[in-house]
Each structure stands twice: as structure tokens, then as C-alpha cells.
Amino acid sequence: MKYIEPHGHMVSRTTADYKSMALAGCVAISEPAFWAGYDRSAVQGFHDYFSQLTQYEPARAAKFGIEHYCWLCINPKEGDDPGFAREVISIIPEFISHTNVLGIGEIGLNKNTKNELAIFEEQVALAVKYDQLILVHTPHLEDKLKGTRLIMDAIEANGNVSPGRVLIDHVEEHTVKEVMDRGYWAGMTLYPDTKCTAQRAADIIEMYGTQQIWMNSACDWGISDPLAVPKARMELKHRGHSEDIIHKLTFDNPFTFLSQSSNFTLAE
């Protein structure tokens, strides 16, 4: 069964990971811009990173028959330095015209600071200006619920963003219902130790349904698994969920959301 990996940081993964994902049925990857594991010190570093996302990574994925798409932004962790963040934001329009760019993301909050929120709001405005989809990072642990509400309130205060064009990622049991009730798409990130395990994600599906929700690995340089989505499919199958439901969660739903971008050209 084919699937889409809607959130994977492939610049930090090996070529062998692409091969394993292709063998498991992955046909497309959506890669948000993110923190590199250290704070970058110059705008040129982001320029090179955006070039990697829009030029080099698609070529690497194509060798394994996988379509590669990306998102552009300065991430919340580095967004707490507003002067530097605004310099990075100023170069994003240079890359938006690339044919594999789906939108602005992953933007959001890390520690729920005023600076992070201001930069988040400015990147939401950038997405509105260029008619881009939005992919949102929500904070970790005890800051998640507060941060998720701050994020949704800020989006709604903009007044020009349809919730259906926003994916709020890293939802957990205490945030998913409110995200979905307010009309946003929800992303469950499958991590071995934090965020959601496959078992917890299956529980969430069984409690809240299959509409406007997807699963992703967010695989990066940390403890993560590029095969988390196919492993979650096995968990759902073991619980007796139908092939149609599993396909909906791991292909149809991300396909539907991402297809709101004219640059998403994957065939059903």
C-alpha cells in the first residue's frame, strides 16, 4: 500500500533511508524547514538551506521514485531573535516560486515567547501575501496546550486565513480535539519516546475519527524513525481497522490537504 510521508526532515537522513521508505511504499515526502540542531549565525546559511530543500533534496528523492516537496520558514526556536528572523524572512520570496514549495512552515512557537509570537504572526502574513499553505509546529510538553491556543488565536486574529489551509502538527491527546473543533487539520507525530507512539496515535484515531488528520514521522537528526508511518499502519491493521481507513489516514488525507497547493502534482 502506497503512503505519503507528510513531515520528514530528509536533509538529516541518509540515502539508505530513502531506499527503505520507497520499499515500504512511500511515494511522496513533504519536508518542512526546521532547526538544524544548532542556531545558524548568518542569513547565508538559510539561503543555502533553502537551496538544498528546493534543488538538491528533490533530486536525491527522485532516484528512488519518491516525489519531494518542501516548506520554507525560519523555525520557532530561531525565531526568538526577531532581527535575525526578519532577515531570513526577507529572502523567502526568492524561493517561493520553486515548483516543489507547498507553503510556509514549520512555523509556530517553541517557548511561547513574545518574540516567537511576533515572528509567527509575520510569517502567517507572508503566507497570506503569497497565498501559501501553512504548517505549524506546536511546543513540547507542558507548553503545548497554551502554545497551541496562542497559535490558533493568532491565526484567527489575522482574519485572512482559512483554518482548512493550516496543518497544526505534533497534536497529542490534550490538544487534538480543540484543533479539529476549530477547523484546522491535525498532524500526529510518531516518535519512539515523545509526542505520539503508534499506539497512542491509534487511540486518538479511535476517539476522534479520521477527518482532517494525518500521521507523520518528522524524522530528523534526533531519535526518530523514517518508517514510523508504515509501522503505524501495521498497528492499525492489528487493531482490525480496514484497508480503506488505513489508506485514508496515510495517503488520502495528506493528499487532500497538500493538493490545496497547485505545486502538489502527485497523482492519486
Protein backbone atom coordinates (compact mmCIF):
# COMPACT_ATOMS: atom_id res chain seq x y z
CA MET A 1 0.00 0.00 0.00
CA LYS A 2 1.44 3.37 -1.01
CA TYR A 3 1.67 6.21 1.50
CA ILE A 4 2.76 9.83 1.85
CA GLU A 5 5.27 10.98 4.46
CA PRO A 6 3.85 14.47 5.10
CA HIS A 7 6.55 15.66 7.51
CA GLY A 8 10.09 14.34 7.20
CA HIS A 9 13.38 16.23 7.55
CA MET A 10 15.27 14.33 4.91
CA VAL A 11 18.27 16.66 4.78
CA SER A 12 19.35 14.97 8.02
CA ARG A 13 18.68 11.41 6.83
CA THR A 14 20.79 9.04 4.77
CA THR A 15 20.17 7.93 1.22
CA ALA A 16 19.54 4.46 2.65
CA ASP A 17 16.51 5.92 4.44
CA TYR A 18 15.07 6.99 1.09
CA LYS A 19 15.54 3.45 -0.17
CA SER A 20 13.85 1.92 2.89
CA MET A 21 10.93 4.33 2.63
CA ALA A 22 10.47 3.59 -1.07
CA LEU A 23 10.45 -0.14 -0.38
CA ALA A 24 7.80 0.43 2.32
CA GLY A 25 5.54 2.20 -0.20
CA CYS A 26 6.40 5.89 0.20
CA VAL A 27 5.60 7.83 -2.98
CA ALA A 28 5.97 11.41 -1.73
CA ILE A 29 7.63 13.33 1.09
CA SER A 30 6.77 16.80 2.36
CA GLU A 31 9.75 18.42 4.13
CA PRO A 32 9.24 21.48 6.34
CA ALA A 33 12.11 23.81 7.13
CA PHE A 34 13.34 23.24 10.69
CA TRP A 35 16.07 23.76 13.27
CA ALA A 36 19.38 22.22 12.21
CA GLY A 37 20.38 21.17 15.74
CA TYR A 38 22.28 24.43 16.24
CA ASP A 39 21.44 28.11 15.77
CA ARG A 40 22.59 29.34 12.39
CA SER A 41 24.63 32.53 12.59
CA ALA A 42 24.07 34.09 9.17
CA VAL A 43 21.30 34.55 6.64
CA GLN A 44 23.52 32.90 4.03
CA GLY A 45 23.16 29.66 5.97
CA PHE A 46 19.42 29.78 5.40
CA HIS A 47 19.94 30.69 1.75
CA ASP A 48 21.99 27.54 1.29
CA TYR A 49 19.44 25.52 3.28
CA PHE A 50 16.53 26.73 1.13
CA SER A 51 18.57 25.85 -1.97
CA GLN A 52 19.07 22.37 -0.54
CA LEU A 53 15.31 21.97 0.03
CA THR A 54 14.29 23.25 -3.39
CA GLN A 55 17.02 21.78 -5.60
CA TYR A 56 19.23 19.07 -4.15
CA GLU A 57 16.85 17.08 -1.97
CA PRO A 58 14.24 16.60 -4.74
CA ALA A 59 16.97 15.12 -6.95
CA ARG A 60 18.05 12.72 -4.20
CA ALA A 61 14.47 11.56 -3.61
CA ALA A 62 13.81 11.11 -7.32
CA LYS A 63 16.47 8.40 -7.53
CA PHE A 64 14.08 6.20 -5.54
CA GLY A 65 10.88 7.20 -7.31
CA ILE A 66 9.77 9.50 -4.48
CA GLU A 67 8.39 12.97 -5.14
CA HIS A 68 9.86 15.58 -2.79
CA TYR A 69 8.07 18.74 -1.68
CA CYS A 70 9.13 21.34 0.86
CA TRP A 71 8.10 24.27 3.04
CA LEU A 72 10.06 27.45 3.81
CA CYS A 73 10.41 29.47 7.01
CA ILE A 74 12.56 30.34 9.97
CA ASN A 75 11.64 27.89 12.70
CA PRO A 76 10.25 28.93 16.11
CA LYS A 77 13.45 28.12 18.01
CA GLU A 78 15.48 30.56 15.94
CA GLY A 79 12.56 32.97 15.73
CA ASP A 80 13.24 34.28 19.23
CA ASP A 81 15.85 36.63 17.70
CA PRO A 82 13.49 38.92 15.76
CA GLY A 83 16.16 40.95 13.99
CA PHE A 84 17.82 37.88 12.55
CA ALA A 85 14.46 36.22 11.87
CA ARG A 86 13.28 39.16 9.79
CA GLU A 87 16.44 39.00 7.69
CA VAL A 88 15.67 35.33 6.96
CA ILE A 89 12.02 36.07 6.20
CA SER A 90 13.14 38.69 3.67
CA ILE A 91 14.81 36.04 1.46
CA ILE A 92 11.92 33.55 1.47
CA PRO A 93 10.10 35.17 -1.51
CA GLU A 94 13.16 34.41 -3.63
CA PHE A 95 12.40 30.69 -3.24
CA ILE A 96 8.58 30.57 -3.17
CA SER A 97 8.37 30.21 -6.95
CA HIS A 98 10.18 26.86 -6.92
CA THR A 99 7.84 24.15 -8.14
CA ASN A 100 8.22 21.89 -5.10
CA VAL A 101 7.33 24.55 -2.49
CA LEU A 102 4.00 23.92 -0.76
CA GLY A 103 3.87 26.75 1.75
CA ILE A 104 5.26 28.38 4.88
CA GLY A 105 6.32 26.02 7.66
CA GLU A 106 7.00 24.71 10.09
CA ILE A 107 6.29 27.96 11.89
CA GLY A 108 4.84 28.26 15.37
CA LEU A 109 6.08 28.51 18.94
CA ASN A 110 8.83 26.88 20.97
CA LYS A 111 8.74 28.53 24.40
CA ASN A 112 5.71 30.77 23.82
CA THR A 113 7.72 33.99 23.99
CA LYS A 114 6.55 37.38 22.70
CA ASN A 115 9.32 37.41 20.09
CA GLU A 116 8.36 33.95 18.82
CA LEU A 117 4.72 35.01 18.56
CA ALA A 118 5.60 38.19 16.66
CA ILE A 119 7.71 36.28 14.12
CA PHE A 120 4.98 33.66 13.82
CA GLU A 121 2.43 36.35 13.00
CA GLU A 122 4.76 37.89 10.41
CA GLN A 123 5.21 34.52 8.68
CA VAL A 124 1.45 33.95 8.69
CA ALA A 125 1.15 37.33 6.96
CA LEU A 126 3.79 36.19 4.44
CA ALA A 127 1.76 33.06 3.71
CA VAL A 128 -1.34 35.20 3.16
CA LYS A 129 0.52 37.58 0.85
CA TYR A 130 1.73 34.73 -1.37
CA ASP A 131 -1.37 32.53 -0.97
CA GLN A 132 0.55 29.69 0.66
CA LEU A 133 -0.49 26.80 2.87
CA ILE A 134 0.72 26.89 6.49
CA LEU A 135 2.31 24.09 8.54
CA VAL A 136 2.58 24.76 12.29
CA HIS A 137 4.93 23.46 14.97
CA THR A 138 3.43 23.31 18.45
CA PRO A 139 5.55 23.45 21.64
CA HIS A 140 6.59 20.48 23.70
CA LEU A 141 5.24 19.02 26.94
CA GLU A 142 3.73 21.46 29.44
CA ASP A 143 3.80 24.39 26.97
CA LYS A 144 1.85 22.57 24.25
CA LEU A 145 -1.75 23.39 25.17
CA LYS A 146 -1.05 27.07 25.90
CA GLY A 147 1.07 27.41 22.77
CA THR A 148 -1.48 25.68 20.56
CA ARG A 149 -4.18 28.08 21.73
CA LEU A 150 -1.90 31.09 21.22
CA ILE A 151 -1.17 29.87 17.69
CA MET A 152 -4.82 29.38 16.74
CA ASP A 153 -5.79 32.73 18.25
CA ALA A 154 -3.06 34.49 16.28
CA ILE A 155 -4.11 32.86 13.01
CA GLU A 156 -7.71 33.83 13.59
CA ALA A 157 -6.72 37.38 14.51
CA ASN A 158 -5.11 37.72 11.07
CA GLY A 159 -8.57 37.35 9.59
CA ASN A 160 -7.42 36.18 6.17
CA VAL A 161 -6.56 32.53 6.78
CA SER A 162 -8.93 29.63 6.29
CA PRO A 163 -8.33 27.03 9.05
CA GLY A 164 -8.67 24.32 6.39
CA ARG A 165 -5.43 25.57 4.81
CA VAL A 166 -3.48 25.17 8.07
CA LEU A 167 -1.99 21.94 9.45
CA ILE A 168 -1.25 22.10 13.17
CA ASP A 169 1.32 19.43 13.87
CA HIS A 170 2.50 17.46 16.90
CA VAL A 171 -1.00 17.24 18.39
CA GLU A 172 -1.48 15.00 21.41
CA GLU A 173 -4.42 13.77 23.42
CA HIS A 174 -4.96 17.10 25.19
CA THR A 175 -4.82 19.31 22.07
CA VAL A 176 -6.23 17.32 19.15
CA LYS A 177 -9.94 17.87 19.83
CA GLU A 178 -9.65 21.65 20.13
CA VAL A 179 -7.55 21.84 16.97
CA MET A 180 -10.10 19.85 14.98
CA ASP A 181 -13.11 21.59 16.55
CA ARG A 182 -11.72 24.94 15.37
CA GLY A 183 -11.48 23.66 11.79
CA TYR A 184 -7.75 23.05 11.45
CA TRP A 185 -6.02 19.97 10.14
CA ALA A 186 -4.18 17.99 12.81
CA GLY A 187 -0.88 16.15 12.49
CA MET A 188 0.22 13.35 14.81
CA THR A 189 3.98 12.97 15.02
CA LEU A 190 5.13 9.41 15.66
CA TYR A 191 8.25 9.41 17.83
CA PRO A 192 9.69 6.45 19.74
CA ASP A 193 9.87 8.29 23.08
CA THR A 194 7.98 11.60 22.85
CA LYS A 195 4.98 13.10 21.06
CA CYS A 196 2.86 10.09 19.89
CA THR A 197 3.70 6.43 19.66
CA ALA A 198 1.84 4.39 17.06
CA GLN A 199 -0.34 3.02 19.84
CA ARG A 200 -1.28 6.47 21.13
CA ALA A 201 -1.95 7.68 17.59
CA ALA A 202 -4.29 4.73 17.03
CA ASP A 203 -6.07 5.57 20.28
CA ILE A 204 -6.55 9.16 19.11
CA ILE A 205 -7.99 7.99 15.81
CA GLU A 206 -10.41 5.71 17.61
CA MET A 207 -11.52 8.56 19.89
CA TYR A 208 -11.72 11.44 17.41
CA GLY A 209 -12.16 9.93 13.94
CA THR A 210 -10.33 10.15 10.64
CA GLN A 211 -11.34 13.56 9.28
CA GLN A 212 -8.69 16.24 8.75
CA ILE A 213 -5.91 14.33 10.49
CA TRP A 214 -2.71 12.64 9.37
CA MET A 215 0.29 10.79 10.77
CA ASN A 216 3.94 11.67 10.15
CA SER A 217 7.39 10.66 11.36
CA ALA A 218 9.06 14.11 11.48
CA CYS A 219 12.26 12.08 11.11
CA ASP A 220 15.33 14.22 11.64
CA TRP A 221 18.80 14.08 13.25
CA GLY A 222 17.35 13.07 16.64
CA ILE A 223 15.78 9.85 17.91
CA SER A 224 13.18 9.28 15.20
CA ASP A 225 12.09 6.67 12.70
CA PRO A 226 11.64 7.32 8.95
CA LEU A 227 9.45 4.20 8.81
CA ALA A 228 7.12 5.36 11.60
CA VAL A 229 4.12 5.76 9.28
CA PRO A 230 4.20 2.24 7.79
CA LYS A 231 4.72 0.86 11.30
CA ALA A 232 1.65 2.77 12.47
CA ARG A 233 -0.28 1.25 9.58
CA MET A 234 0.61 -2.18 10.98
CA GLU A 235 -0.69 -1.11 14.41
CA LEU A 236 -3.99 -0.02 12.88
CA LYS A 237 -4.23 -3.27 10.92
CA HIS A 238 -3.60 -5.32 14.07
CA ARG A 239 -6.47 -3.49 15.73
CA GLY A 240 -8.80 -4.53 12.95
CA HIS A 241 -9.08 -1.26 11.03
CA SER A 242 -9.92 -1.67 7.35
CA GLU A 243 -7.51 -1.10 4.47
CA ASP A 244 -9.72 1.81 3.40
CA ILE A 245 -9.32 3.56 6.76
CA ILE A 246 -5.57 2.97 6.81
CA HIS A 247 -5.24 4.28 3.25
CA LYS A 248 -7.33 7.33 4.13
CA LEU A 249 -5.08 8.22 7.07
CA THR A 250 -1.74 7.62 5.36
CA PHE A 251 -2.45 8.64 1.77
CA ASP A 252 -5.85 10.23 1.13
CA ASN A 253 -5.78 12.75 3.98
CA PRO A 254 -2.30 14.16 3.30
CA PHE A 255 -3.08 14.07 -0.42
CA THR A 256 -6.24 16.12 0.15
CA PHE A 257 -4.55 18.74 2.31
CA LEU A 258 -1.39 19.10 0.24
CA SER A 259 -3.37 19.23 -3.03
CA GLN A 260 -4.60 22.67 -1.98
CA SER A 261 -1.21 23.82 -3.29
CA SER A 262 -1.03 23.95 -7.09
CA ASN A 263 2.58 22.76 -6.80
CA PHE A 264 1.49 19.39 -5.40
CA THR A 265 1.28 17.29 -8.56
CA LEU A 266 1.28 13.75 -7.19
CA ALA A 267 -1.31 11.58 -8.94
CA GLU A 268 -3.82 9.59 -6.86
